[in-house]
Amino acid sequence: MNSRSGGRVPAGVSGQAGRGTVGTDAPTTPNDSIDLAVALFSPVLWVAAAGYAAATVTLVYAACMLAPWGLLLLILALGTLADAVLSGLIAFGISRLEADPA
């Protein structure tokens, strides 16, 4: 829209009362309302990672007590250790995304 002097005027601004456009801005949603499941996702993953780590320690202890055949439990212990590491990495990444102000 041009003003009377010929210069550009931002949308919604008018020289006469009652002639401008109202509500031209895009609707925004508030940033402070966050879903509880989204807010607890990172802490739940940290708890899961700690649980997997505890299961790994328990399996290694049981494998040592039940040797020599109990050493096959070390295969399961490696799997739970991988789960603990993966859950920890995902939780760390999500916590960094949650902390990002942009």
N, C-alpha and C. Protein backbone atom coordinates (compact mmCIF):
# COMPACT_ATOMS: atom_id res chain seq x y z
N MET A 1 0.85 -1.17 0.00
CA MET A 1 0.00 0.00 0.00
C MET A 1 0.90 1.23 0.00
N ASN A 2 0.52 2.24 -0.74
CA ASN A 2 1.29 3.47 -0.83
C ASN A 2 0.66 4.54 0.05
N SER A 3 1.49 5.37 0.64
CA SER A 3 0.99 6.49 1.42
C SER A 3 0.68 7.65 0.48
N ARG A 4 0.18 8.72 1.03
CA ARG A 4 -0.16 9.89 0.20
C ARG A 4 1.07 10.50 -0.44
N SER A 5 2.21 10.34 0.19
CA SER A 5 3.43 10.91 -0.39
C SER A 5 4.07 9.97 -1.41
N GLY A 6 3.50 8.76 -1.56
CA GLY A 6 4.01 7.84 -2.56
C GLY A 6 4.93 6.78 -2.00
N GLY A 7 5.30 6.85 -0.72
CA GLY A 7 6.17 5.86 -0.11
C GLY A 7 5.39 4.62 0.32
N ARG A 8 6.10 3.54 0.53
CA ARG A 8 5.45 2.29 0.95
C ARG A 8 5.11 2.34 2.43
N VAL A 9 3.96 1.79 2.79
CA VAL A 9 3.50 1.74 4.17
C VAL A 9 3.27 0.27 4.51
N PRO A 10 3.70 -0.19 5.67
CA PRO A 10 3.48 -1.60 6.03
C PRO A 10 2.00 -1.96 6.04
N ALA A 11 1.71 -3.23 5.81
CA ALA A 11 0.32 -3.70 5.80
C ALA A 11 -0.31 -3.44 7.15
N GLY A 12 -1.56 -3.03 7.15
CA GLY A 12 -2.29 -2.79 8.39
C GLY A 12 -2.14 -1.38 8.91
N VAL A 13 -1.36 -0.55 8.25
CA VAL A 13 -1.18 0.84 8.67
C VAL A 13 -1.90 1.72 7.67
N SER A 14 -2.72 2.61 8.18
CA SER A 14 -3.48 3.47 7.29
C SER A 14 -3.46 4.89 7.83
N GLY A 15 -3.58 5.87 6.95
CA GLY A 15 -3.60 7.26 7.36
C GLY A 15 -4.96 7.70 7.86
N GLN A 16 -5.99 6.92 7.60
CA GLN A 16 -7.33 7.30 8.03
C GLN A 16 -7.82 6.30 9.06
N ALA A 17 -8.58 6.78 10.03
CA ALA A 17 -9.11 5.91 11.08
C ALA A 17 -10.13 4.95 10.49
N GLY A 18 -10.00 3.69 10.85
CA GLY A 18 -10.98 2.71 10.41
C GLY A 18 -10.75 2.14 9.02
N ARG A 19 -9.69 2.52 8.34
CA ARG A 19 -9.46 2.03 6.98
C ARG A 19 -8.39 0.96 6.89
N GLY A 20 -7.70 0.69 7.97
CA GLY A 20 -6.61 -0.29 7.93
C GLY A 20 -7.13 -1.72 8.04
N THR A 21 -6.26 -2.67 7.78
CA THR A 21 -6.63 -4.07 7.92
C THR A 21 -6.28 -4.52 9.33
N VAL A 22 -7.08 -5.40 9.87
CA VAL A 22 -6.90 -5.88 11.23
C VAL A 22 -6.58 -7.36 11.18
N GLY A 23 -5.63 -7.78 11.98
CA GLY A 23 -5.34 -9.21 12.08
C GLY A 23 -4.54 -9.75 10.93
N THR A 24 -3.60 -9.00 10.41
CA THR A 24 -2.82 -9.48 9.27
C THR A 24 -1.66 -10.36 9.70
N ASP A 25 -1.33 -10.39 10.99
CA ASP A 25 -0.23 -11.23 11.46
C ASP A 25 -0.66 -12.69 11.48
N ALA A 26 0.31 -13.57 11.28
CA ALA A 26 0.03 -15.00 11.33
C ALA A 26 -0.27 -15.40 12.77
N PRO A 27 -1.20 -16.31 12.96
CA PRO A 27 -1.51 -16.74 14.33
C PRO A 27 -0.31 -17.47 14.93
N THR A 28 -0.06 -17.21 16.20
CA THR A 28 1.05 -17.85 16.88
C THR A 28 0.51 -18.66 18.05
N THR A 29 1.24 -19.67 18.40
CA THR A 29 0.87 -20.48 19.56
C THR A 29 1.85 -20.17 20.67
N PRO A 30 1.41 -20.17 21.90
CA PRO A 30 2.33 -19.88 23.00
C PRO A 30 3.37 -20.98 23.16
N ASN A 31 4.59 -20.58 23.51
CA ASN A 31 5.67 -21.54 23.68
C ASN A 31 5.69 -22.15 25.07
N ASP A 32 4.97 -21.56 26.02
CA ASP A 32 5.05 -22.05 27.38
C ASP A 32 4.20 -23.29 27.64
N SER A 33 3.18 -23.52 26.85
CA SER A 33 2.38 -24.72 27.05
C SER A 33 3.03 -25.88 26.31
N ILE A 34 3.39 -26.90 27.07
CA ILE A 34 4.07 -28.06 26.47
C ILE A 34 3.38 -29.32 26.98
N ASP A 35 3.28 -30.28 26.11
CA ASP A 35 2.62 -31.52 26.47
C ASP A 35 3.46 -32.27 27.51
N LEU A 36 2.80 -32.90 28.46
CA LEU A 36 3.50 -33.59 29.54
C LEU A 36 4.36 -34.73 29.01
N ALA A 37 3.87 -35.45 28.01
CA ALA A 37 4.65 -36.56 27.46
C ALA A 37 5.93 -36.06 26.79
N VAL A 38 5.85 -34.92 26.15
CA VAL A 38 7.04 -34.34 25.51
C VAL A 38 8.01 -33.84 26.57
N ALA A 39 7.49 -33.26 27.63
CA ALA A 39 8.35 -32.72 28.68
C ALA A 39 9.08 -33.82 29.44
N LEU A 40 8.48 -35.00 29.54
CA LEU A 40 9.08 -36.08 30.31
C LEU A 40 9.85 -37.07 29.44
N PHE A 41 9.95 -36.84 28.14
CA PHE A 41 10.56 -37.83 27.25
C PHE A 41 12.04 -38.02 27.55
N SER A 42 12.78 -36.94 27.70
CA SER A 42 14.21 -37.05 27.99
C SER A 42 14.49 -37.67 29.36
N PRO A 43 13.81 -37.25 30.43
CA PRO A 43 14.05 -37.90 31.72
C PRO A 43 13.69 -39.38 31.74
N VAL A 44 12.65 -39.75 31.02
CA VAL A 44 12.27 -41.17 30.96
C VAL A 44 13.35 -41.97 30.25
N LEU A 45 13.93 -41.40 29.21
CA LEU A 45 15.02 -42.11 28.53
C LEU A 45 16.25 -42.23 29.42
N TRP A 46 16.52 -41.21 30.25
CA TRP A 46 17.64 -41.32 31.19
C TRP A 46 17.39 -42.45 32.19
N VAL A 47 16.16 -42.58 32.66
CA VAL A 47 15.82 -43.65 33.60
C VAL A 47 15.95 -45.01 32.91
N ALA A 48 15.51 -45.09 31.65
CA ALA A 48 15.63 -46.34 30.90
C ALA A 48 17.10 -46.72 30.71
N ALA A 49 17.94 -45.73 30.41
CA ALA A 49 19.37 -45.99 30.24
C ALA A 49 19.98 -46.51 31.55
N ALA A 50 19.58 -45.92 32.68
CA ALA A 50 20.09 -46.39 33.97
C ALA A 50 19.59 -47.80 34.27
N GLY A 51 18.36 -48.10 33.91
CA GLY A 51 17.82 -49.45 34.11
C GLY A 51 18.56 -50.48 33.27
N TYR A 52 18.85 -50.13 32.02
CA TYR A 52 19.62 -51.05 31.18
C TYR A 52 21.03 -51.25 31.74
N ALA A 53 21.62 -50.20 32.26
CA ALA A 53 22.97 -50.33 32.84
C ALA A 53 22.93 -51.23 34.08
N ALA A 54 21.89 -51.09 34.91
CA ALA A 54 21.76 -51.97 36.08
C ALA A 54 21.54 -53.42 35.65
N ALA A 55 20.75 -53.63 34.61
CA ALA A 55 20.54 -54.98 34.09
C ALA A 55 21.84 -55.57 33.56
N THR A 56 22.66 -54.75 32.94
CA THR A 56 23.95 -55.21 32.44
C THR A 56 24.85 -55.67 33.58
N VAL A 57 24.92 -54.88 34.64
CA VAL A 57 25.75 -55.25 35.79
C VAL A 57 25.23 -56.55 36.41
N THR A 58 23.93 -56.68 36.52
CA THR A 58 23.34 -57.90 37.08
C THR A 58 23.65 -59.12 36.21
N LEU A 59 23.55 -58.98 34.90
CA LEU A 59 23.85 -60.10 34.01
C LEU A 59 25.33 -60.48 34.05
N VAL A 60 26.21 -59.52 34.14
CA VAL A 60 27.65 -59.83 34.24
C VAL A 60 27.94 -60.55 35.55
N TYR A 61 27.33 -60.11 36.63
CA TYR A 61 27.52 -60.76 37.92
C TYR A 61 27.00 -62.20 37.87
N ALA A 62 25.81 -62.41 37.31
CA ALA A 62 25.25 -63.76 37.19
C ALA A 62 26.10 -64.63 36.29
N ALA A 63 26.64 -64.07 35.23
CA ALA A 63 27.50 -64.83 34.32
C ALA A 63 28.76 -65.30 35.03
N CYS A 64 29.32 -64.45 35.86
CA CYS A 64 30.53 -64.83 36.59
C CYS A 64 30.23 -65.90 37.65
N MET A 65 29.08 -65.83 38.27
CA MET A 65 28.72 -66.80 39.30
C MET A 65 28.36 -68.17 38.71
N LEU A 66 27.85 -68.18 37.50
CA LEU A 66 27.41 -69.44 36.86
C LEU A 66 28.41 -69.96 35.83
N ALA A 67 29.65 -69.53 35.91
CA ALA A 67 30.66 -69.96 34.95
C ALA A 67 30.84 -71.47 35.02
N PRO A 68 31.16 -72.14 33.98
CA PRO A 68 31.51 -71.71 32.63
C PRO A 68 30.30 -71.52 31.72
N TRP A 69 29.17 -72.23 31.96
CA TRP A 69 28.03 -72.10 31.05
C TRP A 69 27.33 -70.76 31.22
N GLY A 70 27.42 -70.18 32.37
CA GLY A 70 26.79 -68.89 32.61
C GLY A 70 27.42 -67.76 31.83
N LEU A 71 28.63 -68.02 31.31
CA LEU A 71 29.28 -66.98 30.51
C LEU A 71 28.52 -66.67 29.23
N LEU A 72 27.59 -67.53 28.85
CA LEU A 72 26.74 -67.22 27.70
C LEU A 72 25.84 -66.03 27.99
N LEU A 73 25.63 -65.73 29.27
CA LEU A 73 24.85 -64.56 29.63
C LEU A 73 25.55 -63.26 29.25
N LEU A 74 26.85 -63.35 28.99
CA LEU A 74 27.58 -62.15 28.57
C LEU A 74 27.08 -61.64 27.23
N ILE A 75 26.51 -62.53 26.41
CA ILE A 75 25.93 -62.09 25.14
C ILE A 75 24.74 -61.18 25.41
N LEU A 76 23.89 -61.57 26.35
CA LEU A 76 22.76 -60.72 26.73
C LEU A 76 23.24 -59.44 27.39
N ALA A 77 24.33 -59.54 28.16
CA ALA A 77 24.87 -58.36 28.82
C ALA A 77 25.37 -57.34 27.80
N LEU A 78 25.98 -57.81 26.73
CA LEU A 78 26.43 -56.90 25.67
C LEU A 78 25.25 -56.21 25.00
N GLY A 79 24.15 -56.95 24.82
CA GLY A 79 22.94 -56.35 24.23
C GLY A 79 22.34 -55.28 25.12
N THR A 80 22.25 -55.56 26.42
CA THR A 80 21.69 -54.55 27.32
C THR A 80 22.64 -53.36 27.49
N LEU A 81 23.95 -53.61 27.40
CA LEU A 81 24.89 -52.50 27.43
C LEU A 81 24.71 -51.60 26.20
N ALA A 82 24.51 -52.21 25.05
CA ALA A 82 24.25 -51.43 23.83
C ALA A 82 22.96 -50.63 23.97
N ASP A 83 21.93 -51.24 24.57
CA ASP A 83 20.67 -50.52 24.79
C ASP A 83 20.87 -49.34 25.74
N ALA A 84 21.68 -49.54 26.77
CA ALA A 84 21.94 -48.45 27.73
C ALA A 84 22.66 -47.29 27.04
N VAL A 85 23.65 -47.61 26.23
CA VAL A 85 24.40 -46.56 25.55
C VAL A 85 23.51 -45.84 24.54
N LEU A 86 22.72 -46.58 23.78
CA LEU A 86 21.85 -45.96 22.79
C LEU A 86 20.79 -45.08 23.46
N SER A 87 20.19 -45.56 24.53
CA SER A 87 19.19 -44.76 25.24
C SER A 87 19.82 -43.50 25.83
N GLY A 88 21.02 -43.62 26.35
CA GLY A 88 21.72 -42.46 26.89
C GLY A 88 22.04 -41.43 25.82
N LEU A 89 22.48 -41.89 24.65
CA LEU A 89 22.78 -40.97 23.56
C LEU A 89 21.53 -40.26 23.06
N ILE A 90 20.45 -41.00 22.92
CA ILE A 90 19.20 -40.38 22.47
C ILE A 90 18.69 -39.39 23.51
N ALA A 91 18.77 -39.76 24.79
CA ALA A 91 18.33 -38.84 25.85
C ALA A 91 19.18 -37.58 25.87
N PHE A 92 20.49 -37.73 25.67
CA PHE A 92 21.36 -36.56 25.62
C PHE A 92 21.00 -35.65 24.45
N GLY A 93 20.79 -36.24 23.28
CA GLY A 93 20.43 -35.45 22.11
C GLY A 93 19.11 -34.73 22.27
N ILE A 94 18.12 -35.40 22.85
CA ILE A 94 16.82 -34.78 23.06
C ILE A 94 16.93 -33.67 24.10
N SER A 95 17.73 -33.87 25.13
CA SER A 95 17.89 -32.82 26.14
C SER A 95 18.56 -31.59 25.53
N ARG A 96 19.48 -31.77 24.58
CA ARG A 96 20.11 -30.63 23.91
C ARG A 96 19.08 -29.91 23.04
N LEU A 97 18.19 -30.67 22.37
CA LEU A 97 17.15 -30.04 21.56
C LEU A 97 16.16 -29.28 22.42
N GLU A 98 15.84 -29.83 23.59
CA GLU A 98 14.92 -29.16 24.49
C GLU A 98 15.53 -27.88 25.08
N ALA A 99 16.82 -27.87 25.24
CA ALA A 99 17.50 -26.70 25.81
C ALA A 99 17.73 -25.61 24.77
N ASP A 100 17.60 -25.92 23.50
CA ASP A 100 17.82 -24.96 22.43
C ASP A 100 16.69 -23.93 22.42
N PRO A 101 17.00 -22.65 22.58
CA PRO A 101 15.93 -21.64 22.64
C PRO A 101 15.27 -21.39 21.29
N ALA A 102 15.92 -21.74 20.20
CA ALA A 102 15.33 -21.49 18.87
C ALA A 102 14.46 -22.58 18.50
